[in-house]
All heavy atoms as atom14 arrays in JSON, in Angstrom:
{
  "sequence": "QIFLKDGRYIRYDVAKDRADPGYPRPITDESWPGLAPDARQIAAT",
  "atom14_mask": [
    [1, 1, 1, 1, 1, 1, 1, 1, 1, 0, 0, 0, 0, 0],
    [1, 1, 1, 1, 1, 1, 1, 1, 0, 0, 0, 0, 0, 0],
    [1, 1, 1, 1, 1, 1, 1, 1, 1, 1, 1, 0, 0, 0],
    [1, 1, 1, 1, 1, 1, 1, 1, 0, 0, 0, 0, 0, 0],
    [1, 1, 1, 1, 1, 1, 1, 1, 1, 0, 0, 0, 0, 0],
    [1, 1, 1, 1, 1, 1, 1, 1, 0, 0, 0, 0, 0, 0],
    [1, 1, 1, 1, 0, 0, 0, 0, 0, 0, 0, 0, 0, 0],
    [1, 1, 1, 1, 1, 1, 1, 1, 1, 1, 1, 0, 0, 0],
    [1, 1, 1, 1, 1, 1, 1, 1, 1, 1, 1, 1, 0, 0],
    [1, 1, 1, 1, 1, 1, 1, 1, 0, 0, 0, 0, 0, 0],
    [1, 1, 1, 1, 1, 1, 1, 1, 1, 1, 1, 0, 0, 0],
    [1, 1, 1, 1, 1, 1, 1, 1, 1, 1, 1, 1, 0, 0],
    [1, 1, 1, 1, 1, 1, 1, 1, 0, 0, 0, 0, 0, 0],
    [1, 1, 1, 1, 1, 1, 1, 0, 0, 0, 0, 0, 0, 0],
    [1, 1, 1, 1, 1, 0, 0, 0, 0, 0, 0, 0, 0, 0],
    [1, 1, 1, 1, 1, 1, 1, 1, 1, 0, 0, 0, 0, 0],
    [1, 1, 1, 1, 1, 1, 1, 1, 0, 0, 0, 0, 0, 0],
    [1, 1, 1, 1, 1, 1, 1, 1, 1, 1, 1, 0, 0, 0],
    [1, 1, 1, 1, 1, 0, 0, 0, 0, 0, 0, 0, 0, 0],
    [1, 1, 1, 1, 1, 1, 1, 1, 0, 0, 0, 0, 0, 0],
    [1, 1, 1, 1, 1, 1, 1, 0, 0, 0, 0, 0, 0, 0],
    [1, 1, 1, 1, 0, 0, 0, 0, 0, 0, 0, 0, 0, 0],
    [1, 1, 1, 1, 1, 1, 1, 1, 1, 1, 1, 1, 0, 0],
    [1, 1, 1, 1, 1, 1, 1, 0, 0, 0, 0, 0, 0, 0],
    [1, 1, 1, 1, 1, 1, 1, 1, 1, 1, 1, 0, 0, 0],
    [1, 1, 1, 1, 1, 1, 1, 0, 0, 0, 0, 0, 0, 0],
    [1, 1, 1, 1, 1, 1, 1, 1, 0, 0, 0, 0, 0, 0],
    [1, 1, 1, 1, 1, 1, 1, 0, 0, 0, 0, 0, 0, 0],
    [1, 1, 1, 1, 1, 1, 1, 1, 0, 0, 0, 0, 0, 0],
    [1, 1, 1, 1, 1, 1, 1, 1, 1, 0, 0, 0, 0, 0],
    [1, 1, 1, 1, 1, 1, 0, 0, 0, 0, 0, 0, 0, 0],
    [1, 1, 1, 1, 1, 1, 1, 1, 1, 1, 1, 1, 1, 1],
    [1, 1, 1, 1, 1, 1, 1, 0, 0, 0, 0, 0, 0, 0],
    [1, 1, 1, 1, 0, 0, 0, 0, 0, 0, 0, 0, 0, 0],
    [1, 1, 1, 1, 1, 1, 1, 1, 0, 0, 0, 0, 0, 0],
    [1, 1, 1, 1, 1, 0, 0, 0, 0, 0, 0, 0, 0, 0],
    [1, 1, 1, 1, 1, 1, 1, 0, 0, 0, 0, 0, 0, 0],
    [1, 1, 1, 1, 1, 1, 1, 1, 0, 0, 0, 0, 0, 0],
    [1, 1, 1, 1, 1, 0, 0, 0, 0, 0, 0, 0, 0, 0],
    [1, 1, 1, 1, 1, 1, 1, 1, 1, 1, 1, 0, 0, 0],
    [1, 1, 1, 1, 1, 1, 1, 1, 1, 0, 0, 0, 0, 0],
    [1, 1, 1, 1, 1, 1, 1, 1, 0, 0, 0, 0, 0, 0],
    [1, 1, 1, 1, 1, 0, 0, 0, 0, 0, 0, 0, 0, 0],
    [1, 1, 1, 1, 1, 0, 0, 0, 0, 0, 0, 0, 0, 0],
    [1, 1, 1, 1, 1, 1, 1, 0, 0, 0, 0, 0, 0, 0]
  ],
  "atom14_positions": [
    [[-33.61, 9.85, 65.75], [-33.65, 8.71, 66.68], [-34.06, 7.48, 65.89], [-35.09, 7.46, 65.24], [-34.61, 8.96, 67.85], [-34.38, 10.27, 68.62], [-33.18, 10.17, 69.58], [-32.44, 9.19, 69.56], [-33.07, 11.13, 70.48], [0.0, 0.0, 0.0], [0.0, 0.0, 0.0], [0.0, 0.0, 0.0], [0.0, 0.0, 0.0], [0.0, 0.0, 0.0]],
    [[-33.22, 6.43, 65.96], [-33.45, 5.22, 65.21], [-33.61, 4.08, 66.19], [-32.71, 3.77, 66.97], [-32.29, 4.95, 64.22], [-32.21, 6.14, 63.25], [-32.51, 3.65, 63.5], [-30.99, 6.07, 62.33], [0.0, 0.0, 0.0], [0.0, 0.0, 0.0], [0.0, 0.0, 0.0], [0.0, 0.0, 0.0], [0.0, 0.0, 0.0], [0.0, 0.0, 0.0]],
    [[-34.77, 3.44, 66.18], [-35.1, 2.38, 67.12], [-34.83, 1.01, 66.54], [-35.11, 0.75, 65.41], [-36.6, 2.52, 67.53], [-36.94, 3.79, 68.2], [-37.39, 4.89, 67.41], [-36.82, 3.97, 69.56], [-37.73, 6.1, 68.02], [-37.14, 5.18, 70.16], [-37.58, 6.23, 69.4], [0.0, 0.0, 0.0], [0.0, 0.0, 0.0], [0.0, 0.0, 0.0]],
    [[-34.24, 0.13, 67.38], [-33.92, -1.22, 66.98], [-34.84, -2.22, 67.65], [-35.42, -1.97, 68.7], [-32.47, -1.56, 67.38], [-31.4, -0.54, 66.87], [-30.03, -0.96, 67.37], [-31.41, -0.42, 65.38], [0.0, 0.0, 0.0], [0.0, 0.0, 0.0], [0.0, 0.0, 0.0], [0.0, 0.0, 0.0], [0.0, 0.0, 0.0], [0.0, 0.0, 0.0]],
    [[-34.97, -3.4, 67.04], [-35.95, -4.38, 67.51], [-35.58, -4.99, 68.88], [-36.43, -5.58, 69.53], [-36.11, -5.48, 66.48], [-34.89, -6.28, 66.17], [-35.18, -7.28, 65.06], [-34.0, -8.08, 64.67], [-34.27, -9.02, 63.5], [0.0, 0.0, 0.0], [0.0, 0.0, 0.0], [0.0, 0.0, 0.0], [0.0, 0.0, 0.0], [0.0, 0.0, 0.0]],
    [[-34.35, -4.84, 69.31], [-33.93, -5.44, 70.6], [-34.09, -4.45, 71.74], [-33.61, -4.71, 72.86], [-32.46, -5.89, 70.55], [-31.48, -4.76, 70.3], [-31.86, -3.6, 70.21], [-30.27, -5.03, 70.21], [0.0, 0.0, 0.0], [0.0, 0.0, 0.0], [0.0, 0.0, 0.0], [0.0, 0.0, 0.0], [0.0, 0.0, 0.0], [0.0, 0.0, 0.0]],
    [[-34.8, -3.31, 71.53], [-35.06, -2.39, 72.61], [-33.99, -1.33, 72.81], [-34.0, -0.6, 73.78], [0.0, 0.0, 0.0], [0.0, 0.0, 0.0], [0.0, 0.0, 0.0], [0.0, 0.0, 0.0], [0.0, 0.0, 0.0], [0.0, 0.0, 0.0], [0.0, 0.0, 0.0], [0.0, 0.0, 0.0], [0.0, 0.0, 0.0], [0.0, 0.0, 0.0]],
    [[-33.06, -1.22, 71.87], [-32.06, -0.17, 71.9], [-32.37, 0.9, 70.87], [-33.28, 0.75, 70.06], [-30.65, -0.73, 71.65], [-30.23, -1.68, 72.72], [-28.77, -2.18, 72.49], [-28.7, -2.98, 71.23], [-27.53, -3.35, 70.66], [-26.35, -2.96, 71.22], [-27.54, -4.08, 69.56], [0.0, 0.0, 0.0], [0.0, 0.0, 0.0], [0.0, 0.0, 0.0]],
    [[-31.6, 1.99, 70.9], [-31.8, 3.07, 69.95], [-30.48, 3.68, 69.61], [-29.46, 3.58, 70.34], [-32.74, 4.15, 70.49], [-32.18, 5.01, 71.57], [-31.77, 6.35, 71.3], [-32.01, 4.54, 72.89], [-31.22, 7.13, 72.29], [-31.46, 5.35, 73.88], [-31.08, 6.62, 73.61], [-30.53, 7.43, 74.58], [0.0, 0.0, 0.0], [0.0, 0.0, 0.0]],
    [[-30.43, 4.35, 68.45], [-29.25, 5.03, 67.96], [-29.6, 6.48, 67.7], [-30.63, 6.75, 67.07], [-28.73, 4.4, 66.67], [-28.28, 2.95, 66.91], [-27.57, 5.2, 66.06], [-27.96, 2.16, 65.68], [0.0, 0.0, 0.0], [0.0, 0.0, 0.0], [0.0, 0.0, 0.0], [0.0, 0.0, 0.0], [0.0, 0.0, 0.0], [0.0, 0.0, 0.0]],
    [[-28.77, 7.4, 68.16], [-28.97, 8.8, 67.83], [-28.03, 9.17, 66.69], [-26.82, 8.98, 66.8], [-28.7, 9.7, 69.06], [-29.13, 11.12, 68.87], [-28.94, 11.91, 70.13], [-27.52, 12.09, 70.44], [-27.04, 12.44, 71.62], [-27.85, 12.62, 72.65], [-25.73, 12.56, 71.82], [0.0, 0.0, 0.0], [0.0, 0.0, 0.0], [0.0, 0.0, 0.0]],
    [[-28.63, 9.69, 65.6], [-27.84, 9.98, 64.4], [-27.75, 11.48, 64.22], [-28.76, 12.17, 64.35], [-28.54, 9.33, 63.21], [-27.67, 9.24, 61.99], [-26.86, 8.1, 61.76], [-27.65, 10.22, 61.04], [-26.07, 7.97, 60.65], [-26.82, 10.14, 59.89], [-26.01, 9.0, 59.74], [-25.25, 8.9, 58.6], [0.0, 0.0, 0.0], [0.0, 0.0, 0.0]],
    [[-26.54, 12.0, 63.9], [-26.32, 13.39, 63.73], [-26.45, 13.71, 62.22], [-25.62, 13.28, 61.42], [-24.92, 13.8, 64.22], [-24.69, 15.28, 64.27], [-24.88, 15.95, 63.23], [-24.33, 15.8, 65.34], [0.0, 0.0, 0.0], [0.0, 0.0, 0.0], [0.0, 0.0, 0.0], [0.0, 0.0, 0.0], [0.0, 0.0, 0.0], [0.0, 0.0, 0.0]],
    [[-27.48, 14.45, 61.83], [-27.75, 14.73, 60.44], [-26.67, 15.63, 59.85], [-26.16, 15.42, 58.75], [-29.12, 15.36, 60.26], [-29.36, 15.76, 58.82], [-30.21, 14.43, 60.73], [0.0, 0.0, 0.0], [0.0, 0.0, 0.0], [0.0, 0.0, 0.0], [0.0, 0.0, 0.0], [0.0, 0.0, 0.0], [0.0, 0.0, 0.0], [0.0, 0.0, 0.0]],
    [[-26.23, 16.66, 60.6], [-25.24, 17.61, 60.06], [-23.89, 16.92, 59.84], [-23.25, 17.14, 58.8], [-25.05, 18.78, 61.06], [0.0, 0.0, 0.0], [0.0, 0.0, 0.0], [0.0, 0.0, 0.0], [0.0, 0.0, 0.0], [0.0, 0.0, 0.0], [0.0, 0.0, 0.0], [0.0, 0.0, 0.0], [0.0, 0.0, 0.0], [0.0, 0.0, 0.0]],
    [[-23.49, 16.04, 60.76], [-22.23, 15.32, 60.62], [-22.36, 14.04, 59.79], [-21.39, 13.44, 59.42], [-21.66, 14.99, 62.0], [-21.27, 16.18, 62.82], [-20.79, 15.79, 64.21], [-20.41, 17.01, 65.04], [-20.01, 16.65, 66.39], [0.0, 0.0, 0.0], [0.0, 0.0, 0.0], [0.0, 0.0, 0.0], [0.0, 0.0, 0.0], [0.0, 0.0, 0.0]],
    [[-23.62, 13.65, 59.56], [-23.94, 12.45, 58.78], [-23.26, 11.21, 59.31], [-22.58, 10.47, 58.61], [-23.6, 12.66, 57.29], [-24.32, 11.69, 56.39], [-25.27, 11.01, 56.86], [-23.93, 11.5, 55.22], [0.0, 0.0, 0.0], [0.0, 0.0, 0.0], [0.0, 0.0, 0.0], [0.0, 0.0, 0.0], [0.0, 0.0, 0.0], [0.0, 0.0, 0.0]],
    [[-23.49, 10.97, 60.57], [-22.97, 9.75, 61.23], [-23.71, 9.56, 62.54], [-24.28, 10.48, 63.11], [-21.45, 9.88, 61.47], [-21.04, 11.01, 62.43], [-19.65, 10.88, 62.89], [-19.16, 12.03, 63.68], [-19.46, 12.16, 64.97], [-20.19, 11.29, 65.59], [-18.97, 13.2, 65.67], [0.0, 0.0, 0.0], [0.0, 0.0, 0.0], [0.0, 0.0, 0.0]],
    [[-23.67, 8.31, 63.02], [-24.23, 7.99, 64.35], [-23.37, 8.66, 65.42], [-22.13, 8.73, 65.29], [-24.27, 6.5, 64.56], [0.0, 0.0, 0.0], [0.0, 0.0, 0.0], [0.0, 0.0, 0.0], [0.0, 0.0, 0.0], [0.0, 0.0, 0.0], [0.0, 0.0, 0.0], [0.0, 0.0, 0.0], [0.0, 0.0, 0.0], [0.0, 0.0, 0.0]],
    [[-24.03, 9.16, 66.46], [-23.29, 9.72, 67.57], [-22.47, 8.64, 68.3], [-22.9, 7.46, 68.35], [-24.22, 10.38, 68.57], [-24.65, 11.8, 68.11], [-24.1, 12.31, 67.14], [-25.6, 12.36, 68.71], [0.0, 0.0, 0.0], [0.0, 0.0, 0.0], [0.0, 0.0, 0.0], [0.0, 0.0, 0.0], [0.0, 0.0, 0.0], [0.0, 0.0, 0.0]],
    [[-21.32, 9.0, 68.84], [-20.49, 8.0, 69.57], [-21.26, 7.43, 70.76], [-22.07, 8.14, 71.4], [-19.3, 8.82, 70.04], [-19.23, 9.99, 69.12], [-20.67, 10.33, 68.78], [0.0, 0.0, 0.0], [0.0, 0.0, 0.0], [0.0, 0.0, 0.0], [0.0, 0.0, 0.0], [0.0, 0.0, 0.0], [0.0, 0.0, 0.0], [0.0, 0.0, 0.0]],
    [[-21.01, 6.18, 71.05], [-21.57, 5.51, 72.26], [-22.93, 4.85, 72.03], [-23.52, 4.37, 72.99], [0.0, 0.0, 0.0], [0.0, 0.0, 0.0], [0.0, 0.0, 0.0], [0.0, 0.0, 0.0], [0.0, 0.0, 0.0], [0.0, 0.0, 0.0], [0.0, 0.0, 0.0], [0.0, 0.0, 0.0], [0.0, 0.0, 0.0], [0.0, 0.0, 0.0]],
    [[-23.38, 4.84, 70.79], [-24.69, 4.18, 70.47], [-24.45, 2.94, 69.68], [-23.38, 2.82, 68.98], [-25.56, 5.17, 69.7], [-26.07, 6.32, 70.54], [-25.25, 7.44, 70.75], [-27.3, 6.28, 71.17], [-25.7, 8.48, 71.55], [-27.76, 7.31, 71.95], [-26.95, 8.42, 72.15], [-27.39, 9.46, 72.95], [0.0, 0.0, 0.0], [0.0, 0.0, 0.0]],
    [[-25.42, 1.95, 69.76], [-26.74, 2.05, 70.39], [-26.7, 1.93, 71.9], [-25.75, 1.42, 72.49], [-27.47, 0.83, 69.8], [-26.41, -0.1, 69.39], [-25.24, 0.69, 69.03], [0.0, 0.0, 0.0], [0.0, 0.0, 0.0], [0.0, 0.0, 0.0], [0.0, 0.0, 0.0], [0.0, 0.0, 0.0], [0.0, 0.0, 0.0], [0.0, 0.0, 0.0]],
    [[-27.77, 2.48, 72.51], [-27.98, 2.43, 73.94], [-29.34, 1.85, 74.27], [-30.26, 1.91, 73.44], [-27.85, 3.83, 74.56], [-26.52, 4.51, 74.43], [-26.51, 5.87, 75.03], [-25.27, 6.57, 74.89], [-25.0, 7.84, 75.25], [-26.02, 8.52, 75.8], [-23.82, 8.37, 75.09], [0.0, 0.0, 0.0], [0.0, 0.0, 0.0], [0.0, 0.0, 0.0]],
    [[-29.52, 1.25, 75.45], [-30.81, 0.7, 75.78], [-31.83, 1.81, 76.08], [-31.49, 2.87, 76.59], [-30.54, -0.14, 77.02], [-29.29, 0.49, 77.64], [-28.47, 0.98, 76.47], [0.0, 0.0, 0.0], [0.0, 0.0, 0.0], [0.0, 0.0, 0.0], [0.0, 0.0, 0.0], [0.0, 0.0, 0.0], [0.0, 0.0, 0.0], [0.0, 0.0, 0.0]],
    [[-33.08, 1.54, 75.74], [-34.2, 2.44, 76.11], [-34.49, 2.13, 77.57], [-34.96, 1.04, 77.91], [-35.4, 2.18, 75.23], [-35.07, 2.6, 73.79], [-36.62, 2.94, 75.76], [-36.17, 2.29, 72.8], [0.0, 0.0, 0.0], [0.0, 0.0, 0.0], [0.0, 0.0, 0.0], [0.0, 0.0, 0.0], [0.0, 0.0, 0.0], [0.0, 0.0, 0.0]],
    [[-34.28, 3.15, 78.44], [-34.49, 2.95, 79.86], [-35.36, 4.11, 80.35], [-35.7, 5.03, 79.58], [-33.16, 3.0, 80.65], [-32.57, 4.32, 80.51], [-32.19, 1.94, 80.09], [0.0, 0.0, 0.0], [0.0, 0.0, 0.0], [0.0, 0.0, 0.0], [0.0, 0.0, 0.0], [0.0, 0.0, 0.0], [0.0, 0.0, 0.0], [0.0, 0.0, 0.0]],
    [[-35.7, 4.11, 81.63], [-36.47, 5.19, 82.2], [-35.67, 6.46, 82.31], [-36.24, 7.54, 82.53], [-37.04, 4.78, 83.57], [-38.29, 3.92, 83.46], [-39.01, 4.07, 82.44], [-38.45, 3.08, 84.32], [0.0, 0.0, 0.0], [0.0, 0.0, 0.0], [0.0, 0.0, 0.0], [0.0, 0.0, 0.0], [0.0, 0.0, 0.0], [0.0, 0.0, 0.0]],
    [[-34.38, 6.37, 82.15], [-33.56, 7.57, 82.14], [-33.43, 8.17, 80.72], [-33.5, 9.38, 80.55], [-32.15, 7.27, 82.71], [-32.13, 6.94, 84.2], [-30.76, 6.73, 84.71], [-29.8, 6.74, 83.91], [-30.6, 6.54, 85.92], [0.0, 0.0, 0.0], [0.0, 0.0, 0.0], [0.0, 0.0, 0.0], [0.0, 0.0, 0.0], [0.0, 0.0, 0.0]],
    [[-33.23, 7.33, 79.74], [-33.07, 7.79, 78.39], [-34.41, 8.14, 77.72], [-34.46, 9.09, 76.91], [-32.29, 6.76, 77.55], [-32.98, 5.52, 77.5], [0.0, 0.0, 0.0], [0.0, 0.0, 0.0], [0.0, 0.0, 0.0], [0.0, 0.0, 0.0], [0.0, 0.0, 0.0], [0.0, 0.0, 0.0], [0.0, 0.0, 0.0], [0.0, 0.0, 0.0]],
    [[-35.43, 7.35, 78.01], [-36.77, 7.58, 77.41], [-37.81, 7.38, 78.5], [-38.45, 6.32, 78.53], [-37.0, 6.61, 76.25], [-36.22, 6.95, 75.01], [-34.93, 6.47, 74.76], [-36.62, 7.7, 73.93], [-34.52, 6.97, 73.53], [-35.55, 7.73, 72.99], [-37.79, 8.41, 73.6], [-35.58, 8.4, 71.79], [-37.81, 9.1, 72.4], [-36.76, 9.12, 71.49]],
    [[-38.03, 8.35, 79.39], [-38.96, 8.14, 80.5], [-40.36, 7.78, 80.03], [-40.98, 8.45, 79.2], [-38.95, 9.53, 81.16], [-37.61, 10.12, 80.83], [-37.32, 9.61, 79.44], [0.0, 0.0, 0.0], [0.0, 0.0, 0.0], [0.0, 0.0, 0.0], [0.0, 0.0, 0.0], [0.0, 0.0, 0.0], [0.0, 0.0, 0.0], [0.0, 0.0, 0.0]],
    [[-40.86, 6.62, 80.54], [-42.18, 6.14, 80.22], [-42.23, 5.17, 79.05], [-43.27, 4.58, 78.79], [0.0, 0.0, 0.0], [0.0, 0.0, 0.0], [0.0, 0.0, 0.0], [0.0, 0.0, 0.0], [0.0, 0.0, 0.0], [0.0, 0.0, 0.0], [0.0, 0.0, 0.0], [0.0, 0.0, 0.0], [0.0, 0.0, 0.0], [0.0, 0.0, 0.0]],
    [[-41.1, 4.94, 78.38], [-41.1, 4.06, 77.2], [-40.45, 2.71, 77.48], [-40.68, 1.77, 76.72], [-40.37, 4.79, 76.06], [-40.4, 4.14, 74.66], [-41.82, 3.85, 74.24], [-39.68, 5.01, 73.65], [0.0, 0.0, 0.0], [0.0, 0.0, 0.0], [0.0, 0.0, 0.0], [0.0, 0.0, 0.0], [0.0, 0.0, 0.0], [0.0, 0.0, 0.0]],
    [[-39.66, 2.62, 78.52], [-38.86, 1.41, 78.77], [-39.66, 0.16, 78.82], [-39.22, -0.87, 78.23], [-38.06, 1.61, 80.09], [0.0, 0.0, 0.0], [0.0, 0.0, 0.0], [0.0, 0.0, 0.0], [0.0, 0.0, 0.0], [0.0, 0.0, 0.0], [0.0, 0.0, 0.0], [0.0, 0.0, 0.0], [0.0, 0.0, 0.0], [0.0, 0.0, 0.0]],
    [[-40.84, 0.05, 79.49], [-41.58, -1.21, 79.51], [-41.99, -1.75, 78.12], [-42.23, -2.96, 78.0], [-42.78, -0.91, 80.36], [-42.46, 0.29, 81.16], [-41.55, 1.08, 80.29], [0.0, 0.0, 0.0], [0.0, 0.0, 0.0], [0.0, 0.0, 0.0], [0.0, 0.0, 0.0], [0.0, 0.0, 0.0], [0.0, 0.0, 0.0], [0.0, 0.0, 0.0]],
    [[-42.05, -0.86, 77.19], [-42.51, -1.29, 75.85], [-41.42, -1.1, 74.77], [-41.69, -1.05, 73.57], [-43.7, -0.45, 75.44], [-44.88, -0.62, 76.41], [-45.43, -1.73, 76.46], [-45.2, 0.35, 77.12], [0.0, 0.0, 0.0], [0.0, 0.0, 0.0], [0.0, 0.0, 0.0], [0.0, 0.0, 0.0], [0.0, 0.0, 0.0], [0.0, 0.0, 0.0]],
    [[-40.17, -1.09, 75.19], [-39.06, -0.82, 74.28], [-38.95, -1.82, 73.16], [-38.58, -1.47, 72.02], [-37.72, -0.76, 75.07], [0.0, 0.0, 0.0], [0.0, 0.0, 0.0], [0.0, 0.0, 0.0], [0.0, 0.0, 0.0], [0.0, 0.0, 0.0], [0.0, 0.0, 0.0], [0.0, 0.0, 0.0], [0.0, 0.0, 0.0], [0.0, 0.0, 0.0]],
    [[-39.28, -3.07, 73.43], [-39.2, -4.13, 72.41], [-40.5, -4.28, 71.59], [-40.6, -5.14, 70.73], [-38.84, -5.44, 73.03], [-37.43, -5.48, 73.66], [-37.18, -6.81, 74.38], [-35.87, -6.86, 74.97], [-34.81, -7.43, 74.42], [-34.94, -8.02, 73.23], [-33.64, -7.43, 75.03], [0.0, 0.0, 0.0], [0.0, 0.0, 0.0], [0.0, 0.0, 0.0]],
    [[-41.49, -3.43, 71.92], [-42.79, -3.53, 71.26], [-43.04, -2.45, 70.23], [-44.08, -2.36, 69.64], [-43.91, -3.43, 72.31], [-43.91, -4.6, 73.3], [-44.18, -5.92, 72.59], [-45.07, -6.04, 71.74], [-43.38, -6.92, 72.94], [0.0, 0.0, 0.0], [0.0, 0.0, 0.0], [0.0, 0.0, 0.0], [0.0, 0.0, 0.0], [0.0, 0.0, 0.0]],
    [[-41.99, -1.61, 69.99], [-42.17, -0.48, 69.04], [-42.35, -0.99, 67.61], [-41.5, -1.78, 67.15], [-40.96, 0.48, 69.17], [-40.91, 1.12, 70.57], [-41.08, 1.59, 68.08], [-39.68, 1.92, 70.79], [0.0, 0.0, 0.0], [0.0, 0.0, 0.0], [0.0, 0.0, 0.0], [0.0, 0.0, 0.0], [0.0, 0.0, 0.0], [0.0, 0.0, 0.0]],
    [[-43.4, -0.54, 66.94], [-43.66, -0.95, 65.6], [-43.46, 0.21, 64.62], [-42.99, 0.02, 63.49], [-45.1, -1.47, 65.44], [0.0, 0.0, 0.0], [0.0, 0.0, 0.0], [0.0, 0.0, 0.0], [0.0, 0.0, 0.0], [0.0, 0.0, 0.0], [0.0, 0.0, 0.0], [0.0, 0.0, 0.0], [0.0, 0.0, 0.0], [0.0, 0.0, 0.0]],
    [[-43.78, 1.43, 65.02], [-43.61, 2.6, 64.16], [-43.69, 3.84, 65.0], [-44.2, 3.86, 66.12], [-44.79, 2.64, 63.13], [0.0, 0.0, 0.0], [0.0, 0.0, 0.0], [0.0, 0.0, 0.0], [0.0, 0.0, 0.0], [0.0, 0.0, 0.0], [0.0, 0.0, 0.0], [0.0, 0.0, 0.0], [0.0, 0.0, 0.0], [0.0, 0.0, 0.0]],
    [[-43.1, 4.93, 64.45], [-43.13, 6.25, 65.16], [-43.56, 7.31, 64.14], [-43.28, 7.17, 62.94], [-41.77, 6.62, 65.71], [-40.75, 6.6, 64.68], [-41.34, 5.62, 66.84], [0.0, 0.0, 0.0], [0.0, 0.0, 0.0], [0.0, 0.0, 0.0], [0.0, 0.0, 0.0], [0.0, 0.0, 0.0], [0.0, 0.0, 0.0], [0.0, 0.0, 0.0]]
  ]
}
């Protein structure tokens, strides 16, 4: 999971060595429950 500064994220497939289709997507309460209010505040994981 790769997080971007604009509050979106990219899911990357290690075995296929490429980003999954349809990304980046916004961090929402559906994609990341509990993280959406702070999606643009992520500094490190």
